[in-house]
Amino acid sequence: MALPLFATRRSSTVEAASVGRPRGSILRVIHREEAIVAPLSAESTRRWRVVRLIGTMAALLIAVGGWGGGAVMAQNPISTVPVLNVLARAPFAAVGLCLIGTTVLVVSWLTMMRYALPIRHYHRGETDITQMTRGQSWTVLAGWSIPLFFTAPMFSKDVYSYVAFGYAAHQGLDVYAGGPQDLLHGGPLVDNVPLEWRHTPAQYGAGLIAIARLIGALTGENIVAAIVCYRVLALISLVVLAIAVRWLAHRCNMRAATALWLGVLNPLTLFHMVAGIHNEGIMLALTMVGLAIGLEGTRFPRRSVRGWGFLLLGACLIALGASIKLPAMVALGFLGMEAARRWWKRWWAIPLMGIVMVAIMAVTVVLTTVLGGTSWAWITTTGAAAQYPTVLTLTNDAAKAATAVGSLLGLGNHYEALRGLFIVIGLLIATAFLCWALWKVYLGELHPVGGFGMSMFVIVLCFPVMHPWYLLWGVVALSAWINDRRYRIPVVVISAIVSIWIMPQGGTMPLSLNVALVIETLVLLVAGLFTWRMLFNRDNAVRHNRLSAMNEN
């Protein structure tokens, strides 16, 4: 499966990435053209296989531990299976396996950076800039993601809400009128939903409810079968997302292996799209594919039927992604701006394309609402999660800090008022940045993929609530565009830290286990650094010998 013209228009791709974007701007510094690289040498390939194997073994460790330490069902299906039921009887040991596996997989991902980035390795006189191939990236993705398919849900219990709401929608109930407890009045489907969400209406778009309704019709009250269906859908979404990232990376003149490593092999993606089965996977797959197809349409002449066909198809896919989670509709703005810039470059083209994108979004909303058999209330209830802010929510953290200062000064506790104030400030900042990015895209100074990724990243940081998997909204898009290490390193560091500190069962842990987690993390990081030295210290020795020989000559 390939997008038309992507492989045959390389020169025009590079040209399109540079026309109208000044080399002296800060945006040009963020995105630089990638160097031409060679495949890995035999020695580099051998070491790459070792890193791939370590990551695969870590994924297997997570999968094994997940049966007892993940977000397992209240009626754990392995409790009656010989040998495997040991994991169900020793949940703390299973959690320990999961934590070790997650940390080792993160260290493997960081080590894989050595082969994902185009660098010189100096293996046995090697002087070329080398990088793993796109095919090697796919083998790593398969080895690290397939084991996570054969385990219980992990890092979150949201999938049980999908199952409960899907069955309720199949029964003809309005999932936006009440929570699973209110609609189903107890039972196994409700028992697995977290307590805080049992009386909360569905906070997902009509598109996801339509999918959940279909799965509910296929599986009925069989929770295990429903989870298998969602996991299959998650794997399909991961493959589609990888293809879309490769397409967009090619369009942005970015190395495909680097983009796949940063966005798709990212532990956040593996842990929360595959293991956690979050609906971000479906949303991102539809949005990124739609953005790739739509941007390809803008490269045709304005009067081209194919150009408009690609544009409208891409916009429809993005709108479907927004029907899963509304923030995806931001991509419609950048697609419309790029079309206005390329096809008209007139001020009136901006409202014209705005009308087109709004019309496509409206039609999609109507269709998904009708097919999902839901009410129109989903448009306003999708923000219900904001009432449960997390530690990562910056607006909530700022409100708490201001409240603490106010209490010290004797001004009283005004947390609720301050939280509302900081939410408004965050939304204003996100809106201002979004408008700036859209304008830069229209001027030709910012690529629409980069503008979309940066905007989503800022929106997540300023959101009233933030979960770790929300970071994928911006990270995946930025992986296809940013190739400057000064901007890539923060993304890598944030991804690694957040991935390590997520509890496998999706809830809080006792203080003693948190202390054990800190010790385990430090030990494994030291072990990872030691492994790095053992695997790659020969590189430095070879380089030193080469430099010494050059100096003697």
Foldseek 3Di string as FASTA:
>chain_A
DADPPLVPPLVVLVVLLPPLADCPDPQVVQFDFADDFDADDPLRVVLLVVLLVQLLVLLLLLQLLQLQQFQAAPPRPCCPPPPSVVSVVCNVVSLVSNLLSLLSNLLSLVLLVVQLGQAFLLDPNGDTRHHHAPVVLVVSLCSNQVSLLNHAAWLALVVLQLLLLLLLLLVLHAQQVWFSCVRVVDDRSLRSDDPVRRTAGDLWFLLSLLVSVVLCVVQPPPSVSSVNVLLVVLVVLLVLLLSLLQLLLSSQNHRSSQLCSQQRSQLLNSNCSRRNSDCVSQLNSLLSNLLSQLVVLLVDAPPDPSSVVSNLSSLLSLLSSCSGPVVSLLLQLLSQLLSCQSHPLDPVSNVVSVVVSVVSNVVSSVVSCVSSSHDPCSVPSNPVCLVPADPLAPLLVVLVVVQVVCVVVVNHGPSVVSSVVLLVVLVVVLVVLSVVLSVCSNSVNHRSLQSQLVSQCSCQNSHSHHDSSSNSSNRSSVSSGGDDCVVSVVSSVSSSVNSSPRRTNNDDDDPVVVVVSVVSSVVVVVVSVVVCCVSRVVSVVSVVVVVVVVVVD
